[in-house]
């Protein structure tokens, strides 16, 4: 998870803070790239991803851990702050549906695992 709060990006892996970076938000970007930077000479990301959610709220480490291994439902107290939710339940293809409606995610070379 990446949390942006007050000019700082914090990177969490499995709910544990693994790094941080101070930088103001750059609002000039419109495209979202997942697995690659979008620049011609950059490398691709080789890894696994189960779910991607974008929230309009900076979560704490404990809050992030509480979200792990669970589907987010409208019963979640901060559901109204959930902006994008990709569950990766498709099982094939490279178009990932946004569970909240508009705005699908298109991936490059995808390998699905169970």
PDB file of N, CA and C in Angstrom:
ATOM      1  N   UNK A   1       0.844  -1.179   0.000  1.00  0.00           N
ATOM      2  CA  UNK A   1       0.000   0.000   0.000  1.00  0.00           C
ATOM      3  C   UNK A   1       0.883   1.234   0.000  1.00  0.00           C
ATOM      4  N   UNK A   2       0.425   2.259  -0.660  1.00  0.00           N
ATOM      5  CA  UNK A   2       1.110   3.550  -0.620  1.00  0.00           C
ATOM      6  C   UNK A   2       0.137   4.545  -0.012  1.00  0.00           C
ATOM      7  N   UNK A   3       0.583   5.245   1.010  1.00  0.00           N
ATOM      8  CA  UNK A   3      -0.228   6.247   1.680  1.00  0.00           C
ATOM      9  C   UNK A   3       0.437   7.598   1.460  1.00  0.00           C
ATOM     10  N   UNK A   4      -0.333   8.580   0.969  1.00  0.00           N
ATOM     11  CA  UNK A   4       0.177   9.941   0.830  1.00  0.00           C
ATOM     12  C   UNK A   4      -0.514  10.805   1.867  1.00  0.00           C
ATOM     13  N   UNK A   5       0.268  11.485   2.704  1.00  0.00           N
ATOM     14  CA  UNK A   5      -0.285  12.324   3.756  1.00  0.00           C
ATOM     15  C   UNK A   5       0.692  13.447   4.069  1.00  0.00           C
ATOM     16  N   UNK A   6       0.230  14.685   3.965  1.00  0.00           N
ATOM     17  CA  UNK A   6       1.034  15.864   4.305  1.00  0.00           C
ATOM     18  C   UNK A   6       2.405  15.870   3.630  1.00  0.00           C
ATOM     19  N   UNK A   7       2.446  15.605   2.319  1.00  0.00           N
ATOM     20  CA  UNK A   7       3.688  15.677   1.573  1.00  0.00           C
ATOM     21  C   UNK A   7       4.601  14.479   1.722  1.00  0.00           C
ATOM     22  N   UNK A   8       4.140  13.415   2.360  1.00  0.00           N
ATOM     23  CA  UNK A   8       4.980  12.225   2.536  1.00  0.00           C
ATOM     24  C   UNK A   8       4.284  10.995   1.965  1.00  0.00           C
ATOM     25  N   UNK A   9       5.030  10.230   1.179  1.00  0.00           N
ATOM     26  CA  UNK A   9       4.573   8.933   0.692  1.00  0.00           C
ATOM     27  C   UNK A   9       5.129   7.878   1.629  1.00  0.00           C
ATOM     28  N   UNK A  10       4.290   6.980   2.083  1.00  0.00           N
ATOM     29  CA  UNK A  10       4.724   5.862   2.925  1.00  0.00           C
ATOM     30  C   UNK A  10       4.352   4.570   2.222  1.00  0.00           C
ATOM     31  N   UNK A  11       5.314   3.663   2.114  1.00  0.00           N
ATOM     32  CA  UNK A  11       5.102   2.383   1.454  1.00  0.00           C
ATOM     33  C   UNK A  11       4.975   1.293   2.507  1.00  0.00           C
ATOM     34  N   UNK A  12       3.876   0.543   2.431  1.00  0.00           N
ATOM     35  CA  UNK A  12       3.615  -0.563   3.349  1.00  0.00           C
ATOM     36  C   UNK A  12       3.548  -1.863   2.560  1.00  0.00           C
ATOM     37  N   UNK A  13       4.163  -2.904   3.068  1.00  0.00           N
ATOM     38  CA  UNK A  13       4.040  -4.248   2.515  1.00  0.00           C
ATOM     39  C   UNK A  13       3.417  -5.119   3.584  1.00  0.00           C
ATOM     40  N   UNK A  14       2.282  -5.696   3.264  1.00  0.00           N
ATOM     41  CA  UNK A  14       1.534  -6.520   4.227  1.00  0.00           C
ATOM     42  C   UNK A  14       1.288  -5.782   5.545  1.00  0.00           C
ATOM     43  N   UNK A  15       0.994  -4.485   5.443  1.00  0.00           N
ATOM     44  CA  UNK A  15       0.666  -3.692   6.618  1.00  0.00           C
ATOM     45  C   UNK A  15       1.844  -3.211   7.433  1.00  0.00           C
ATOM     46  N   UNK A  16       3.081  -3.449   6.955  1.00  0.00           N
ATOM     47  CA  UNK A  16       4.293  -3.027   7.671  1.00  0.00           C
ATOM     48  C   UNK A  16       4.969  -1.913   6.879  1.00  0.00           C
ATOM     49  N   UNK A  17       5.286  -0.806   7.528  1.00  0.00           N
ATOM     50  CA  UNK A  17       5.976   0.302   6.873  1.00  0.00           C
ATOM     51  C   UNK A  17       7.371  -0.145   6.444  1.00  0.00           C
ATOM     52  N   UNK A  18       7.669  -0.044   5.145  1.00  0.00           N
ATOM     53  CA  UNK A  18       8.981  -0.457   4.631  1.00  0.00           C
ATOM     54  C   UNK A  18       9.778   0.708   4.060  1.00  0.00           C
ATOM     55  N   UNK A  19       9.173   1.877   3.922  1.00  0.00           N
ATOM     56  CA  UNK A  19       9.912   3.033   3.420  1.00  0.00           C
ATOM     57  C   UNK A  19       9.016   4.241   3.323  1.00  0.00           C
ATOM     58  N   UNK A  20       9.658   5.408   3.229  1.00  0.00           N
ATOM     59  CA  UNK A  20       8.893   6.641   3.064  1.00  0.00           C
ATOM     60  C   UNK A  20       9.710   7.637   2.250  1.00  0.00           C
ATOM     61  N   UNK A  21       9.022   8.605   1.686  1.00  0.00           N
ATOM     62  CA  UNK A  21       9.646   9.572   0.798  1.00  0.00           C
ATOM     63  C   UNK A  21       8.883  10.881   0.916  1.00  0.00           C
ATOM     64  N   UNK A  22       9.578  11.981   1.173  1.00  0.00           N
ATOM     65  CA  UNK A  22       8.946  13.292   1.253  1.00  0.00           C
ATOM     66  C   UNK A  22       8.902  13.914  -0.133  1.00  0.00           C
ATOM     67  N   UNK A  23       7.708  14.290  -0.568  1.00  0.00           N
ATOM     68  CA  UNK A  23       7.548  14.918  -1.874  1.00  0.00           C
ATOM     69  C   UNK A  23       6.139  15.482  -1.952  1.00  0.00           C
ATOM     70  N   UNK A  24       5.987  16.690  -2.468  1.00  0.00           N
ATOM     71  CA  UNK A  24       4.630  17.226  -2.603  1.00  0.00           C
ATOM     72  C   UNK A  24       3.852  16.447  -3.659  1.00  0.00           C
ATOM     73  N   UNK A  25       2.555  16.435  -3.534  1.00  0.00           N
ATOM     74  CA  UNK A  25       1.715  15.738  -4.515  1.00  0.00           C
ATOM     75  C   UNK A  25       1.866  16.405  -5.866  1.00  0.00           C
ATOM     76  N   UNK A  26       1.992  15.617  -6.902  1.00  0.00           N
ATOM     77  CA  UNK A  26       2.087  16.129  -8.261  1.00  0.00           C
ATOM     78  C   UNK A  26       0.746  15.918  -8.928  1.00  0.00           C
ATOM     79  N   UNK A  27       0.026  16.996  -9.134  1.00  0.00           N
ATOM     80  CA  UNK A  27      -1.316  16.887  -9.700  1.00  0.00           C
ATOM     81  C   UNK A  27      -1.317  16.994 -11.217  1.00  0.00           C
ATOM     82  N   UNK A  28      -0.143  17.017 -11.855  1.00  0.00           N
ATOM     83  CA  UNK A  28      -0.077  17.115 -13.306  1.00  0.00           C
ATOM     84  C   UNK A  28      -0.264  15.777 -14.005  1.00  0.00           C
ATOM     85  N   UNK A  29      -0.167  14.677 -13.296  1.00  0.00           N
ATOM     86  CA  UNK A  29      -0.293  13.361 -13.906  1.00  0.00           C
ATOM     87  C   UNK A  29      -1.755  12.962 -14.009  1.00  0.00           C
ATOM     88  N   UNK A  30      -2.128  12.376 -15.142  1.00  0.00           N
ATOM     89  CA  UNK A  30      -3.495  11.923 -15.325  1.00  0.00           C
ATOM     90  C   UNK A  30      -3.580  10.410 -15.437  1.00  0.00           C
ATOM     91  N   UNK A  31      -2.564   9.776 -16.011  1.00  0.00           N
ATOM     92  CA  UNK A  31      -2.582   8.332 -16.209  1.00  0.00           C
ATOM     93  C   UNK A  31      -2.075   7.606 -14.981  1.00  0.00           C
ATOM     94  N   UNK A  32      -2.652   6.446 -14.741  1.00  0.00           N
ATOM     95  CA  UNK A  32      -2.186   5.597 -13.662  1.00  0.00           C
ATOM     96  C   UNK A  32      -1.506   4.391 -14.289  1.00  0.00           C
ATOM     97  N   UNK A  33      -0.247   4.182 -13.964  1.00  0.00           N
ATOM     98  CA  UNK A  33       0.508   3.052 -14.487  1.00  0.00           C
ATOM     99  C   UNK A  33       0.709   2.051 -13.366  1.00  0.00           C
ATOM    100  N   UNK A  34       0.486   0.805 -13.666  1.00  0.00           N
ATOM    101  CA  UNK A  34       0.661  -0.246 -12.687  1.00  0.00           C
ATOM    102  C   UNK A  34       1.610  -1.291 -13.251  1.00  0.00           C
ATOM    103  N   UNK A  35       2.746  -1.464 -12.617  1.00  0.00           N
ATOM    104  CA  UNK A  35       3.716  -2.445 -13.060  1.00  0.00           C
ATOM    105  C   UNK A  35       4.807  -1.888 -13.948  1.00  0.00           C
ATOM    106  N   UNK A  36       4.643  -0.651 -14.384  1.00  0.00           N
ATOM    107  CA  UNK A  36       5.670   0.017 -15.168  1.00  0.00           C
ATOM    108  C   UNK A  36       5.492   1.515 -14.998  1.00  0.00           C
ATOM    109  N   UNK A  37       6.550   2.282 -15.277  1.00  0.00           N
ATOM    110  CA  UNK A  37       6.486   3.715 -15.015  1.00  0.00           C
ATOM    111  C   UNK A  37       5.874   4.513 -16.147  1.00  0.00           C
ATOM    112  N   UNK A  38       5.761   3.921 -17.335  1.00  0.00           N
ATOM    113  CA  UNK A  38       5.219   4.658 -18.462  1.00  0.00           C
ATOM    114  C   UNK A  38       6.282   5.370 -19.277  1.00  0.00           C
ATOM    115  N   UNK A  39       7.524   5.267 -18.855  1.00  0.00           N
ATOM    116  CA  UNK A  39       8.616   5.871 -19.604  1.00  0.00           C
ATOM    117  C   UNK A  39       9.274   4.807 -20.460  1.00  0.00           C
ATOM    118  N   UNK A  40       9.797   5.215 -21.604  1.00  0.00           N
ATOM    119  CA  UNK A  40      10.290   4.284 -22.609  1.00  0.00           C
ATOM    120  C   UNK A  40      11.358   3.325 -22.104  1.00  0.00           C
ATOM    121  N   UNK A  41      12.296   3.777 -21.288  1.00  0.00           N
ATOM    122  CA  UNK A  41      13.435   2.932 -20.921  1.00  0.00           C
ATOM    123  C   UNK A  41      13.360   2.401 -19.497  1.00  0.00           C
ATOM    124  N   UNK A  42      12.194   2.345 -18.931  1.00  0.00           N
ATOM    125  CA  UNK A  42      12.089   1.837 -17.564  1.00  0.00           C
ATOM    126  C   UNK A  42      11.741   0.354 -17.587  1.00  0.00           C
ATOM    127  N   UNK A  43      12.062  -0.338 -16.504  1.00  0.00           N
ATOM    128  CA  UNK A  43      11.768  -1.761 -16.416  1.00  0.00           C
ATOM    129  C   UNK A  43      10.359  -2.019 -15.925  1.00  0.00           C
ATOM    130  N   UNK A  44       9.909  -3.229 -16.095  1.00  0.00           N
ATOM    131  CA  UNK A  44       8.589  -3.633 -15.619  1.00  0.00           C
ATOM    132  C   UNK A  44       8.685  -4.244 -14.236  1.00  0.00           C
ATOM    133  N   UNK A  45       7.588  -4.230 -13.534  1.00  0.00           N
ATOM    134  CA  UNK A  45       7.519  -4.806 -12.199  1.00  0.00           C
ATOM    135  C   UNK A  45       7.180  -6.283 -12.325  1.00  0.00           C
ATOM    136  N   UNK A  46       7.929  -7.120 -11.648  1.00  0.00           N
ATOM    137  CA  UNK A  46       7.644  -8.553 -11.624  1.00  0.00           C
ATOM    138  C   UNK A  46       7.206  -8.899 -10.210  1.00  0.00           C
ATOM    139  N   UNK A  47       5.944  -9.141 -10.022  1.00  0.00           N
ATOM    140  CA  UNK A  47       5.441  -9.431  -8.688  1.00  0.00           C
ATOM    141  C   UNK A  47       4.004  -9.900  -8.759  1.00  0.00           C
ATOM    142  N   UNK A  48       3.403 -10.060  -7.610  1.00  0.00           N
ATOM    143  CA  UNK A  48       2.024 -10.509  -7.521  1.00  0.00           C
ATOM    144  C   UNK A  48       1.187  -9.459  -6.814  1.00  0.00           C
ATOM    145  N   UNK A  49      -0.062  -9.376  -7.216  1.00  0.00           N
ATOM    146  CA  UNK A  49      -0.971  -8.400  -6.645  1.00  0.00           C
ATOM    147  C   UNK A  49      -2.344  -9.046  -6.529  1.00  0.00           C
ATOM    148  N   UNK A  50      -2.941  -8.935  -5.365  1.00  0.00           N
ATOM    149  CA  UNK A  50      -4.242  -9.551  -5.138  1.00  0.00           C
ATOM    150  C   UNK A  50      -5.377  -8.555  -5.296  1.00  0.00           C
ATOM    151  N   UNK A  51      -5.127  -7.305  -4.959  1.00  0.00           N
ATOM    152  CA  UNK A  51      -6.192  -6.319  -4.928  1.00  0.00           C
ATOM    153  C   UNK A  51      -5.568  -4.931  -4.925  1.00  0.00           C
ATOM    154  N   UNK A  52      -6.274  -3.956  -5.494  1.00  0.00           N
ATOM    155  CA  UNK A  52      -5.802  -2.568  -5.494  1.00  0.00           C
ATOM    156  C   UNK A  52      -6.972  -1.667  -5.168  1.00  0.00           C
ATOM    157  N   UNK A  53      -6.803  -0.851  -4.140  1.00  0.00           N
ATOM    158  CA  UNK A  53      -7.847   0.110  -3.790  1.00  0.00           C
ATOM    159  C   UNK A  53      -7.207   1.484  -3.619  1.00  0.00           C
ATOM    160  N   UNK A  54      -7.949   2.495  -4.038  1.00  0.00           N
ATOM    161  CA  UNK A  54      -7.497   3.885  -3.899  1.00  0.00           C
ATOM    162  C   UNK A  54      -8.518   4.589  -3.025  1.00  0.00           C
ATOM    163  N   UNK A  55      -8.017   5.133  -1.931  1.00  0.00           N
ATOM    164  CA  UNK A  55      -8.878   5.770  -0.939  1.00  0.00           C
ATOM    165  C   UNK A  55      -8.544   7.251  -0.838  1.00  0.00           C
ATOM    166  N   UNK A  56      -9.515   8.017  -0.433  1.00  0.00           N
ATOM    167  CA  UNK A  56      -9.317   9.431  -0.145  1.00  0.00           C
ATOM    168  C   UNK A  56      -9.177   9.597   1.373  1.00  0.00           C
ATOM    169  N   UNK A  57      -8.233   8.821   1.912  1.00  0.00           N
ATOM    170  CA  UNK A  57      -7.973   8.849   3.346  1.00  0.00           C
ATOM    171  C   UNK A  57      -6.601   8.248   3.601  1.00  0.00           C
ATOM    172  N   UNK A  58      -5.765   8.904   4.398  1.00  0.00           N
ATOM    173  CA  UNK A  58      -4.475   8.291   4.766  1.00  0.00           C
ATOM    174  C   UNK A  58      -4.668   7.311   5.919  1.00  0.00           C
ATOM    175  N   UNK A  59      -4.485   6.022   5.647  1.00  0.00           N
ATOM    176  CA  UNK A  59      -4.663   4.987   6.658  1.00  0.00           C
ATOM    177  C   UNK A  59      -3.410   4.813   7.513  1.00  0.00           C
ATOM    178  N   UNK A  60      -3.609   4.372   8.736  1.00  0.00           N
ATOM    179  CA  UNK A  60      -2.492   3.999   9.606  1.00  0.00           C
ATOM    180  C   UNK A  60      -2.101   2.558   9.287  1.00  0.00           C
ATOM    181  N   UNK A  61      -0.968   2.119   9.800  1.00  0.00           N
ATOM    182  CA  UNK A  61      -0.524   0.740   9.590  1.00  0.00           C
ATOM    183  C   UNK A  61      -1.561  -0.251  10.112  1.00  0.00           C
ATOM    184  N   UNK A  62      -2.124   0.006  11.290  1.00  0.00           N
ATOM    185  CA  UNK A  62      -3.139  -0.897  11.855  1.00  0.00           C
ATOM    186  C   UNK A  62      -4.393  -0.950  10.984  1.00  0.00           C
ATOM    187  N   UNK A  63      -4.804   0.201  10.446  1.00  0.00           N
ATOM    188  CA  UNK A  63      -5.975   0.222   9.566  1.00  0.00           C
ATOM    189  C   UNK A  63      -5.700  -0.559   8.283  1.00  0.00           C
ATOM    190  N   UNK A  64      -4.489  -0.422   7.740  1.00  0.00           N
ATOM    191  CA  UNK A  64      -4.123  -1.181   6.538  1.00  0.00           C
ATOM    192  C   UNK A  64      -4.155  -2.683   6.802  1.00  0.00           C
ATOM    193  N   UNK A  65      -3.597  -3.080   7.925  1.00  0.00           N
ATOM    194  CA  UNK A  65      -3.604  -4.506   8.267  1.00  0.00           C
ATOM    195  C   UNK A  65      -5.029  -5.034   8.422  1.00  0.00           C
ATOM    196  N   UNK A  66      -5.927  -4.205   8.941  1.00  0.00           N
ATOM    197  CA  UNK A  66      -7.308  -4.653   9.127  1.00  0.00           C
ATOM    198  C   UNK A  66      -8.028  -4.850   7.792  1.00  0.00           C
ATOM    199  N   UNK A  67      -7.531  -4.236   6.726  1.00  0.00           N
ATOM    200  CA  UNK A  67      -8.132  -4.388   5.400  1.00  0.00           C
ATOM    201  C   UNK A  67      -7.615  -5.611   4.651  1.00  0.00           C
ATOM    202  N   UNK A  68      -6.498  -6.173   5.106  1.00  0.00           N
ATOM    203  CA  UNK A  68      -5.870  -7.280   4.389  1.00  0.00           C
ATOM    204  C   UNK A  68      -6.753  -8.527   4.400  1.00  0.00           C
ATOM    205  N   UNK A  69      -6.727  -9.237   3.272  1.00  0.00           N
ATOM    206  CA  UNK A  69      -7.408 -10.533   3.120  1.00  0.00           C
ATOM    207  C   UNK A  69      -8.919 -10.433   3.312  1.00  0.00           C
ATOM    208  N   UNK A  70      -9.484  -9.270   3.062  1.00  0.00           N
ATOM    209  CA  UNK A  70     -10.926  -9.073   3.164  1.00  0.00           C
ATOM    210  C   UNK A  70     -11.399  -8.255   1.973  1.00  0.00           C
ATOM    211  N   UNK A  71     -12.585  -8.520   1.519  1.00  0.00           N
ATOM    212  CA  UNK A  71     -13.210  -7.686   0.500  1.00  0.00           C
ATOM    213  C   UNK A  71     -13.826  -6.480   1.195  1.00  0.00           C
ATOM    214  N   UNK A  72     -13.703  -5.314   0.580  1.00  0.00           N
ATOM    215  CA  UNK A  72     -14.287  -4.099   1.142  1.00  0.00           C
ATOM    216  C   UNK A  72     -15.754  -4.054   0.725  1.00  0.00           C
ATOM    217  N   UNK A  73     -16.625  -3.839   1.688  1.00  0.00           N
ATOM    218  CA  UNK A  73     -18.071  -3.769   1.430  1.00  0.00           C
ATOM    219  C   UNK A  73     -18.600  -2.399   1.840  1.00  0.00           C
ATOM    220  N   UNK A  74     -19.809  -2.068   1.428  1.00  0.00           N
ATOM    221  CA  UNK A  74     -20.406  -0.788   1.844  1.00  0.00           C
ATOM    222  C   UNK A  74     -20.545  -0.652   3.358  1.00  0.00           C
ATOM    223  N   UNK A  75     -20.412  -1.743   4.114  1.00  0.00           N
ATOM    224  CA  UNK A  75     -20.484  -1.680   5.574  1.00  0.00           C
ATOM    225  C   UNK A  75     -19.221  -1.085   6.195  1.00  0.00           C
ATOM    226  N   UNK A  76     -18.133  -0.976   5.414  1.00  0.00           N
ATOM    227  CA  UNK A  76     -16.891  -0.406   5.954  1.00  0.00           C
ATOM    228  C   UNK A  76     -17.143   1.054   6.333  1.00  0.00           C
ATOM    229  N   UNK A  77     -16.673   1.501   7.513  1.00  0.00           N
ATOM    230  CA  UNK A  77     -16.959   2.871   7.971  1.00  0.00           C
ATOM    231  C   UNK A  77     -16.408   3.969   7.063  1.00  0.00           C
ATOM    232  N   UNK A  78     -15.399   3.681   6.267  1.00  0.00           N
ATOM    233  CA  UNK A  78     -14.832   4.689   5.369  1.00  0.00           C
ATOM    234  C   UNK A  78     -15.150   4.405   3.903  1.00  0.00           C
ATOM    235  N   UNK A  79     -16.169   3.593   3.657  1.00  0.00           N
ATOM    236  CA  UNK A  79     -16.503   3.192   2.293  1.00  0.00           C
ATOM    237  C   UNK A  79     -16.715   4.401   1.374  1.00  0.00           C
ATOM    238  N   UNK A  80     -17.280   5.464   1.890  1.00  0.00           N
ATOM    239  CA  UNK A  80     -17.536   6.653   1.071  1.00  0.00           C
ATOM    240  C   UNK A  80     -16.233   7.305   0.598  1.00  0.00           C
ATOM    241  N   UNK A  81     -15.100   6.957   1.210  1.00  0.00           N
ATOM    242  CA  UNK A  81     -13.800   7.507   0.817  1.00  0.00           C
ATOM    243  C   UNK A  81     -13.048   6.589  -0.143  1.00  0.00           C
ATOM    244  N   UNK A  82     -13.652   5.460  -0.496  1.00  0.00           N
ATOM    245  CA  UNK A  82     -13.065   4.528  -1.455  1.00  0.00           C
ATOM    246  C   UNK A  82     -13.345   5.054  -2.858  1.00  0.00           C
ATOM    247  N   UNK A  83     -12.299   5.325  -3.645  1.00  0.00           N
ATOM    248  CA  UNK A  83     -12.445   5.934  -4.961  1.00  0.00           C
ATOM    249  C   UNK A  83     -12.305   4.939  -6.112  1.00  0.00           C
ATOM    250  N   UNK A  84     -11.408   3.972  -5.990  1.00  0.00           N
ATOM    251  CA  UNK A  84     -11.220   2.924  -6.993  1.00  0.00           C
ATOM    252  C   UNK A  84     -11.024   1.606  -6.264  1.00  0.00           C
ATOM    253  N   UNK A  85     -11.586   0.536  -6.822  1.00  0.00           N
ATOM    254  CA  UNK A  85     -11.458  -0.766  -6.166  1.00  0.00           C
ATOM    255  C   UNK A  85     -11.356  -1.859  -7.215  1.00  0.00           C
ATOM    256  N   UNK A  86     -10.148  -2.372  -7.388  1.00  0.00           N
ATOM    257  CA  UNK A  86      -9.872  -3.433  -8.348  1.00  0.00           C
ATOM    258  C   UNK A  86      -9.606  -4.717  -7.568  1.00  0.00           C
ATOM    259  N   UNK A  87     -10.503  -5.690  -7.672  1.00  0.00           N
ATOM    260  CA  UNK A  87     -10.394  -6.917  -6.879  1.00  0.00           C
ATOM    261  C   UNK A  87      -9.600  -8.016  -7.578  1.00  0.00           C
ATOM    262  N   UNK A  88      -9.332  -7.872  -8.866  1.00  0.00           N
ATOM    263  CA  UNK A  88      -8.569  -8.861  -9.638  1.00  0.00           C
ATOM    264  C   UNK A  88      -9.231 -10.240  -9.583  1.00  0.00           C
ATOM    265  N   UNK A  89     -10.554 -10.253  -9.670  1.00  0.00           N
ATOM    266  CA  UNK A  89     -11.293 -11.510  -9.643  1.00  0.00           C
ATOM    267  C   UNK A  89     -11.547 -12.068 -11.041  1.00  0.00           C
ATOM    268  N   UNK A  90     -11.082 -11.374 -12.097  1.00  0.00           N
ATOM    269  CA  UNK A  90     -11.381 -11.781 -13.467  1.00  0.00           C
ATOM    270  C   UNK A  90     -10.808 -13.163 -13.808  1.00  0.00           C
ATOM    271  N   UNK A  91      -9.571 -13.446 -13.374  1.00  0.00           N
ATOM    272  CA  UNK A  91      -8.964 -14.751 -13.625  1.00  0.00           C
ATOM    273  C   UNK A  91      -8.332 -14.919 -14.989  1.00  0.00           C
ATOM    274  N   UNK A  92      -8.558 -13.981 -15.907  1.00  0.00           N
ATOM    275  CA  UNK A  92      -7.974 -14.044 -17.247  1.00  0.00           C
ATOM    276  C   UNK A  92      -8.077 -12.661 -17.883  1.00  0.00           C
ATOM    277  N   UNK A  93      -7.256 -12.434 -18.899  1.00  0.00           N
ATOM    278  CA  UNK A  93      -7.308 -11.165 -19.626  1.00  0.00           C
ATOM    279  C   UNK A  93      -6.453 -10.088 -18.990  1.00  0.00           C
ATOM    280  N   UNK A  94      -6.536  -8.878 -19.550  1.00  0.00           N
ATOM    281  CA  UNK A  94      -5.736  -7.782 -19.025  1.00  0.00           C
ATOM    282  C   UNK A  94      -6.569  -6.546 -18.665  1.00  0.00           C
ATOM    283  N   UNK A  95      -7.895  -6.665 -18.653  1.00  0.00           N
ATOM    284  CA  UNK A  95      -8.762  -5.573 -18.229  1.00  0.00           C
ATOM    285  C   UNK A  95      -9.322  -5.929 -16.857  1.00  0.00           C
ATOM    286  N   UNK A  96      -9.027  -5.075 -15.886  1.00  0.00           N
ATOM    287  CA  UNK A  96      -9.477  -5.298 -14.508  1.00  0.00           C
ATOM    288  C   UNK A  96     -10.620  -4.332 -14.220  1.00  0.00           C
ATOM    289  N   UNK A  97     -11.739  -4.869 -13.812  1.00  0.00           N
ATOM    290  CA  UNK A  97     -12.937  -4.067 -13.585  1.00  0.00           C
ATOM    291  C   UNK A  97     -12.865  -3.313 -12.268  1.00  0.00           C
ATOM    292  N   UNK A  98     -13.248  -2.050 -12.317  1.00  0.00           N
ATOM    293  CA  UNK A  98     -13.390  -1.253 -11.101  1.00  0.00           C
ATOM    294  C   UNK A  98     -14.715  -1.653 -10.462  1.00  0.00           C
ATOM    295  N   UNK A  99     -14.679  -2.242  -9.300  1.00  0.00           N
ATOM    296  CA  UNK A  99     -15.887  -2.730  -8.627  1.00  0.00           C
ATOM    297  C   UNK A  99     -16.853  -1.612  -8.261  1.00  0.00           C
ATOM    298  N   UNK A 100     -16.389  -0.362  -8.317  1.00  0.00           N
ATOM    299  CA  UNK A 100     -17.255   0.763  -7.985  1.00  0.00           C
ATOM    300  C   UNK A 100     -17.938   1.349  -9.215  1.00  0.00           C
ATOM    301  N   UNK A 101     -17.605   0.835 -10.395  1.00  0.00           N
ATOM    302  CA  UNK A 101     -18.227   1.352 -11.618  1.00  0.00           C
ATOM    303  C   UNK A 101     -17.205   1.757 -12.654  1.00  0.00           C
ATOM    304  N   UNK A 102     -17.273   2.999 -13.096  1.00  0.00           N
ATOM    305  CA  UNK A 102     -16.460   3.490 -14.214  1.00  0.00           C
ATOM    306  C   UNK A 102     -14.968   3.482 -13.908  1.00  0.00           C
ATOM    307  N   UNK A 103     -14.177   3.310 -14.959  1.00  0.00           N
ATOM    308  CA  UNK A 103     -12.730   3.414 -14.830  1.00  0.00           C
ATOM    309  C   UNK A 103     -12.031   2.100 -14.629  1.00  0.00           C
ATOM    310  N   UNK A 104     -11.977   1.277 -15.663  1.00  0.00           N
ATOM    311  CA  UNK A 104     -11.273   0.006 -15.563  1.00  0.00           C
ATOM    312  C   UNK A 104      -9.767   0.215 -15.640  1.00  0.00           C
ATOM    313  N   UNK A 105      -9.018  -0.785 -15.233  1.00  0.00           N
ATOM    314  CA  UNK A 105      -7.560  -0.770 -15.234  1.00  0.00           C
ATOM    315  C   UNK A 105      -7.102  -1.728 -16.319  1.00  0.00           C
ATOM    316  N   UNK A 106      -6.214  -1.248 -17.197  1.00  0.00           N
ATOM    317  CA  UNK A 106      -5.688  -2.091 -18.267  1.00  0.00           C
ATOM    318  C   UNK A 106      -4.235  -2.390 -17.962  1.00  0.00           C
ATOM    319  N   UNK A 107      -3.902  -3.671 -17.928  1.00  0.00           N
ATOM    320  CA  UNK A 107      -2.559  -4.118 -17.608  1.00  0.00           C
ATOM    321  C   UNK A 107      -1.850  -4.621 -18.854  1.00  0.00           C
ATOM    322  N   UNK A 108      -0.524  -4.658 -18.799  1.00  0.00           N
ATOM    323  CA  UNK A 108       0.275  -5.197 -19.889  1.00  0.00           C
ATOM    324  C   UNK A 108       0.284  -6.709 -19.866  1.00  0.00           C
ATOM    325  N   UNK A 109       1.444  -7.295 -19.874  1.00  0.00           N
ATOM    326  CA  UNK A 109       1.621  -8.744 -19.895  1.00  0.00           C
ATOM    327  C   UNK A 109       1.264  -9.319 -18.523  1.00  0.00           C
ATOM    328  N   UNK A 110       0.110  -9.987 -18.425  1.00  0.00           N
ATOM    329  CA  UNK A 110      -0.397 -10.480 -17.140  1.00  0.00           C
ATOM    330  C   UNK A 110      -0.379 -11.988 -17.123  1.00  0.00           C
ATOM    331  N   UNK A 111       0.085 -12.560 -16.020  1.00  0.00           N
ATOM    332  CA  UNK A 111      -0.013 -13.990 -15.802  1.00  0.00           C
ATOM    333  C   UNK A 111      -0.870 -14.235 -14.573  1.00  0.00           C
ATOM    334  N   UNK A 112      -1.957 -14.956 -14.724  1.00  0.00           N
ATOM    335  CA  UNK A 112      -2.881 -15.206 -13.617  1.00  0.00           C
ATOM    336  C   UNK A 112      -2.468 -16.460 -12.860  1.00  0.00           C
ATOM    337  N   UNK A 113      -2.580 -16.409 -11.531  1.00  0.00           N
ATOM    338  CA  UNK A 113      -2.338 -17.578 -10.683  1.00  0.00           C
ATOM    339  C   UNK A 113      -3.518 -17.733  -9.731  1.00  0.00           C
ATOM    340  N   UNK A 114      -3.673 -18.907  -9.203  1.00  0.00           N
ATOM    341  CA  UNK A 114      -4.777 -19.163  -8.268  1.00  0.00           C
ATOM    342  C   UNK A 114      -4.263 -19.084  -6.862  1.00  0.00           C
TER     343      UNK A 114
END
